[in-house]
Amino acid sequence: MRNEGTPIYSLLRNIGSSVGLSLVQMLLTKDRARVHEVLVSFALRPAYRR
């Protein structure tokens, strides 16, 4: 059995995982300020009376 490619495979897998996690984190947090702004505006808006 030949194991010469195992360290390279592991390295590429770790790098790919890191890049993937970074992209997911960026997508989840890129508009965080806008989301907070919308939530605060809804919370502070007076309730409509009928």
PDB file of N, CA and C in Angstrom:
ATOM      1  N   MET A   1       0.846  -1.182   0.000  1.00  0.00           N
ATOM      2  CA  MET A   1       0.000   0.000   0.000  1.00  0.00           C
ATOM      3  C   MET A   1       0.887   1.240   0.000  1.00  0.00           C
ATOM      4  N   ARG A   2       0.529   2.219  -0.808  1.00  0.00           N
ATOM      5  CA  ARG A   2       1.337   3.440  -0.914  1.00  0.00           C
ATOM      6  C   ARG A   2       0.638   4.585  -0.190  1.00  0.00           C
ATOM      7  N   ASN A   3       1.376   5.244   0.690  1.00  0.00           N
ATOM      8  CA  ASN A   3       0.809   6.309   1.512  1.00  0.00           C
ATOM      9  C   ASN A   3       1.474   7.661   1.270  1.00  0.00           C
ATOM     10  N   GLU A   4       2.135   7.843   0.138  1.00  0.00           N
ATOM     11  CA  GLU A   4       2.850   9.103  -0.091  1.00  0.00           C
ATOM     12  C   GLU A   4       1.905  10.301  -0.224  1.00  0.00           C
ATOM     13  N   GLY A   5       0.696  10.087  -0.697  1.00  0.00           N
ATOM     14  CA  GLY A   5      -0.237  11.197  -0.906  1.00  0.00           C
ATOM     15  C   GLY A   5      -1.060  11.559   0.313  1.00  0.00           C
ATOM     16  N   THR A   6      -0.964  10.791   1.360  1.00  0.00           N
ATOM     17  CA  THR A   6      -1.797  11.022   2.543  1.00  0.00           C
ATOM     18  C   THR A   6      -1.552  12.387   3.194  1.00  0.00           C
ATOM     19  N   PRO A   7      -0.306  12.817   3.398  1.00  0.00           N
ATOM     20  CA  PRO A   7      -0.111  14.145   4.019  1.00  0.00           C
ATOM     21  C   PRO A   7      -0.645  15.284   3.152  1.00  0.00           C
ATOM     22  N   ILE A   8      -0.481  15.190   1.852  1.00  0.00           N
ATOM     23  CA  ILE A   8      -0.990  16.245   0.960  1.00  0.00           C
ATOM     24  C   ILE A   8      -2.511  16.255   0.993  1.00  0.00           C
ATOM     25  N   TYR A   9      -3.109  15.081   0.961  1.00  0.00           N
ATOM     26  CA  TYR A   9      -4.567  14.984   1.030  1.00  0.00           C
ATOM     27  C   TYR A   9      -5.083  15.597   2.335  1.00  0.00           C
ATOM     28  N   SER A  10      -4.440  15.287   3.440  1.00  0.00           N
ATOM     29  CA  SER A  10      -4.853  15.837   4.736  1.00  0.00           C
ATOM     30  C   SER A  10      -4.702  17.352   4.770  1.00  0.00           C
ATOM     31  N   LEU A  11      -3.603  17.845   4.230  1.00  0.00           N
ATOM     32  CA  LEU A  11      -3.370  19.293   4.191  1.00  0.00           C
ATOM     33  C   LEU A  11      -4.456  19.987   3.378  1.00  0.00           C
ATOM     34  N   LEU A  12      -4.744  19.480   2.190  1.00  0.00           N
ATOM     35  CA  LEU A  12      -5.762  20.090   1.338  1.00  0.00           C
ATOM     36  C   LEU A  12      -7.147  20.004   1.979  1.00  0.00           C
ATOM     37  N   ARG A  13      -7.416  18.915   2.661  1.00  0.00           N
ATOM     38  CA  ARG A  13      -8.699  18.763   3.348  1.00  0.00           C
ATOM     39  C   ARG A  13      -8.830  19.776   4.475  1.00  0.00           C
ATOM     40  N   ASN A  14      -7.765  19.994   5.236  1.00  0.00           N
ATOM     41  CA  ASN A  14      -7.801  20.984   6.322  1.00  0.00           C
ATOM     42  C   ASN A  14      -7.950  22.398   5.778  1.00  0.00           C
ATOM     43  N   ILE A  15      -7.233  22.717   4.721  1.00  0.00           N
ATOM     44  CA  ILE A  15      -7.343  24.050   4.122  1.00  0.00           C
ATOM     45  C   ILE A  15      -8.748  24.266   3.568  1.00  0.00           C
ATOM     46  N   GLY A  16      -9.271  23.265   2.874  1.00  0.00           N
ATOM     47  CA  GLY A  16     -10.624  23.373   2.330  1.00  0.00           C
ATOM     48  C   GLY A  16     -11.667  23.557   3.414  1.00  0.00           C
ATOM     49  N   SER A  17     -11.502  22.858   4.506  1.00  0.00           N
ATOM     50  CA  SER A  17     -12.427  22.995   5.622  1.00  0.00           C
ATOM     51  C   SER A  17     -12.361  24.398   6.217  1.00  0.00           C
ATOM     52  N   SER A  18     -11.169  24.930   6.371  1.00  0.00           N
ATOM     53  CA  SER A  18     -11.004  26.275   6.925  1.00  0.00           C
ATOM     54  C   SER A  18     -11.641  27.324   6.015  1.00  0.00           C
ATOM     55  N   VAL A  19     -11.411  27.193   4.733  1.00  0.00           N
ATOM     56  CA  VAL A  19     -11.992  28.148   3.775  1.00  0.00           C
ATOM     57  C   VAL A  19     -13.509  28.041   3.790  1.00  0.00           C
ATOM     58  N   GLY A  20     -14.018  26.822   3.821  1.00  0.00           N
ATOM     59  CA  GLY A  20     -15.466  26.628   3.858  1.00  0.00           C
ATOM     60  C   GLY A  20     -16.103  27.238   5.093  1.00  0.00           C
ATOM     61  N   LEU A  21     -15.490  27.033   6.247  1.00  0.00           N
ATOM     62  CA  LEU A  21     -16.028  27.607   7.480  1.00  0.00           C
ATOM     63  C   LEU A  21     -15.970  29.129   7.451  1.00  0.00           C
ATOM     64  N   SER A  22     -14.899  29.670   6.887  1.00  0.00           N
ATOM     65  CA  SER A  22     -14.786  31.129   6.787  1.00  0.00           C
ATOM     66  C   SER A  22     -15.870  31.703   5.891  1.00  0.00           C
ATOM     67  N   LEU A  23     -16.147  31.043   4.793  1.00  0.00           N
ATOM     68  CA  LEU A  23     -17.192  31.520   3.883  1.00  0.00           C
ATOM     69  C   LEU A  23     -18.569  31.466   4.535  1.00  0.00           C
ATOM     70  N   VAL A  24     -18.849  30.397   5.242  1.00  0.00           N
ATOM     71  CA  VAL A  24     -20.139  30.286   5.927  1.00  0.00           C
ATOM     72  C   VAL A  24     -20.272  31.368   6.985  1.00  0.00           C
ATOM     73  N   GLN A  25     -19.212  31.603   7.744  1.00  0.00           N
ATOM     74  CA  GLN A  25     -19.257  32.652   8.766  1.00  0.00           C
ATOM     75  C   GLN A  25     -19.474  34.019   8.126  1.00  0.00           C
ATOM     76  N   MET A  26     -18.802  34.285   7.010  1.00  0.00           N
ATOM     77  CA  MET A  26     -18.970  35.562   6.327  1.00  0.00           C
ATOM     78  C   MET A  26     -20.406  35.734   5.854  1.00  0.00           C
ATOM     79  N   LEU A  27     -20.991  34.691   5.278  1.00  0.00           N
ATOM     80  CA  LEU A  27     -22.355  34.789   4.782  1.00  0.00           C
ATOM     81  C   LEU A  27     -23.360  34.995   5.906  1.00  0.00           C
ATOM     82  N   LEU A  28     -23.098  34.401   7.064  1.00  0.00           N
ATOM     83  CA  LEU A  28     -24.028  34.534   8.177  1.00  0.00           C
ATOM     84  C   LEU A  28     -23.927  35.880   8.879  1.00  0.00           C
ATOM     85  N   THR A  29     -22.770  36.530   8.802  1.00  0.00           N
ATOM     86  CA  THR A  29     -22.573  37.756   9.584  1.00  0.00           C
ATOM     87  C   THR A  29     -22.395  39.015   8.756  1.00  0.00           C
ATOM     88  N   LYS A  30     -22.440  38.922   7.420  1.00  0.00           N
ATOM     89  CA  LYS A  30     -22.120  40.105   6.623  1.00  0.00           C
ATOM     90  C   LYS A  30     -23.133  41.235   6.771  1.00  0.00           C
ATOM     91  N   ASP A  31     -24.407  40.913   7.002  1.00  0.00           N
ATOM     92  CA  ASP A  31     -25.427  41.947   7.160  1.00  0.00           C
ATOM     93  C   ASP A  31     -25.952  42.018   8.584  1.00  0.00           C
ATOM     94  N   ARG A  32     -25.088  41.684   9.520  1.00  0.00           N
ATOM     95  CA  ARG A  32     -25.503  41.641  10.923  1.00  0.00           C
ATOM     96  C   ARG A  32     -25.987  43.006  11.413  1.00  0.00           C
ATOM     97  N   ALA A  33     -25.304  44.081  11.026  1.00  0.00           N
ATOM     98  CA  ALA A  33     -25.704  45.414  11.469  1.00  0.00           C
ATOM     99  C   ALA A  33     -27.084  45.769  10.934  1.00  0.00           C
ATOM    100  N   ARG A  34     -27.349  45.418   9.696  1.00  0.00           N
ATOM    101  CA  ARG A  34     -28.664  45.700   9.099  1.00  0.00           C
ATOM    102  C   ARG A  34     -29.767  44.902   9.805  1.00  0.00           C
ATOM    103  N   VAL A  35     -29.495  43.656  10.126  1.00  0.00           N
ATOM    104  CA  VAL A  35     -30.480  42.828  10.822  1.00  0.00           C
ATOM    105  C   VAL A  35     -30.791  43.426  12.186  1.00  0.00           C
ATOM    106  N   HIS A  36     -29.772  43.851  12.905  1.00  0.00           N
ATOM    107  CA  HIS A  36     -29.986  44.459  14.220  1.00  0.00           C
ATOM    108  C   HIS A  36     -30.779  45.761  14.084  1.00  0.00           C
ATOM    109  N   GLU A  37     -30.489  46.532  13.060  1.00  0.00           N
ATOM    110  CA  GLU A  37     -31.209  47.792  12.842  1.00  0.00           C
ATOM    111  C   GLU A  37     -32.702  47.526  12.623  1.00  0.00           C
ATOM    112  N   VAL A  38     -33.015  46.530  11.826  1.00  0.00           N
ATOM    113  CA  VAL A  38     -34.418  46.198  11.558  1.00  0.00           C
ATOM    114  C   VAL A  38     -35.103  45.695  12.821  1.00  0.00           C
ATOM    115  N   LEU A  39     -34.428  44.835  13.575  1.00  0.00           N
ATOM    116  CA  LEU A  39     -35.033  44.304  14.799  1.00  0.00           C
ATOM    117  C   LEU A  39     -35.291  45.405  15.819  1.00  0.00           C
ATOM    118  N   VAL A  40     -34.350  46.317  15.973  1.00  0.00           N
ATOM    119  CA  VAL A  40     -34.528  47.414  16.931  1.00  0.00           C
ATOM    120  C   VAL A  40     -35.645  48.333  16.476  1.00  0.00           C
ATOM    121  N   SER A  41     -35.746  48.602  15.186  1.00  0.00           N
ATOM    122  CA  SER A  41     -36.804  49.487  14.699  1.00  0.00           C
ATOM    123  C   SER A  41     -38.177  48.872  14.947  1.00  0.00           C
ATOM    124  N   PHE A  42     -38.297  47.547  14.797  1.00  0.00           N
ATOM    125  CA  PHE A  42     -39.574  46.896  15.094  1.00  0.00           C
ATOM    126  C   PHE A  42     -39.863  46.916  16.587  1.00  0.00           C
ATOM    127  N   ALA A  43     -38.853  46.743  17.395  1.00  0.00           N
ATOM    128  CA  ALA A  43     -39.060  46.706  18.845  1.00  0.00           C
ATOM    129  C   ALA A  43     -39.435  48.079  19.387  1.00  0.00           C
ATOM    130  N   LEU A  44     -38.902  49.144  18.801  1.00  0.00           N
ATOM    131  CA  LEU A  44     -39.152  50.489  19.312  1.00  0.00           C
ATOM    132  C   LEU A  44     -40.364  51.169  18.670  1.00  0.00           C
ATOM    133  N   ARG A  45     -40.917  50.568  17.632  1.00  0.00           N
ATOM    134  CA  ARG A  45     -42.071  51.169  16.948  1.00  0.00           C
ATOM    135  C   ARG A  45     -43.303  51.050  17.850  1.00  0.00           C
ATOM    136  N   PRO A  46     -44.062  52.114  17.996  1.00  0.00           N
ATOM    137  CA  PRO A  46     -45.261  52.023  18.836  1.00  0.00           C
ATOM    138  C   PRO A  46     -46.291  51.095  18.189  1.00  0.00           C
ATOM    139  N   ALA A  47     -47.027  50.418  19.029  1.00  0.00           N
ATOM    140  CA  ALA A  47     -48.057  49.505  18.536  1.00  0.00           C
ATOM    141  C   ALA A  47     -49.197  50.324  17.940  1.00  0.00           C
ATOM    142  N   TYR A  48     -49.764  49.817  16.875  1.00  0.00           N
ATOM    143  CA  TYR A  48     -50.909  50.498  16.259  1.00  0.00           C
ATOM    144  C   TYR A  48     -52.148  50.254  17.100  1.00  0.00           C
ATOM    145  N   ARG A  49     -52.928  51.310  17.268  1.00  0.00           N
ATOM    146  CA  ARG A  49     -54.162  51.191  18.054  1.00  0.00           C
ATOM    147  C   ARG A  49     -55.342  51.171  17.107  1.00  0.00           C
ATOM    148  N   ARG A  50     -56.331  50.372  17.438  1.00  0.00           N
ATOM    149  CA  ARG A  50     -57.542  50.285  16.604  1.00  0.00           C
ATOM    150  C   ARG A  50     -58.675  51.005  17.257  1.00  0.00           C
TER     151      ARG A  50
END
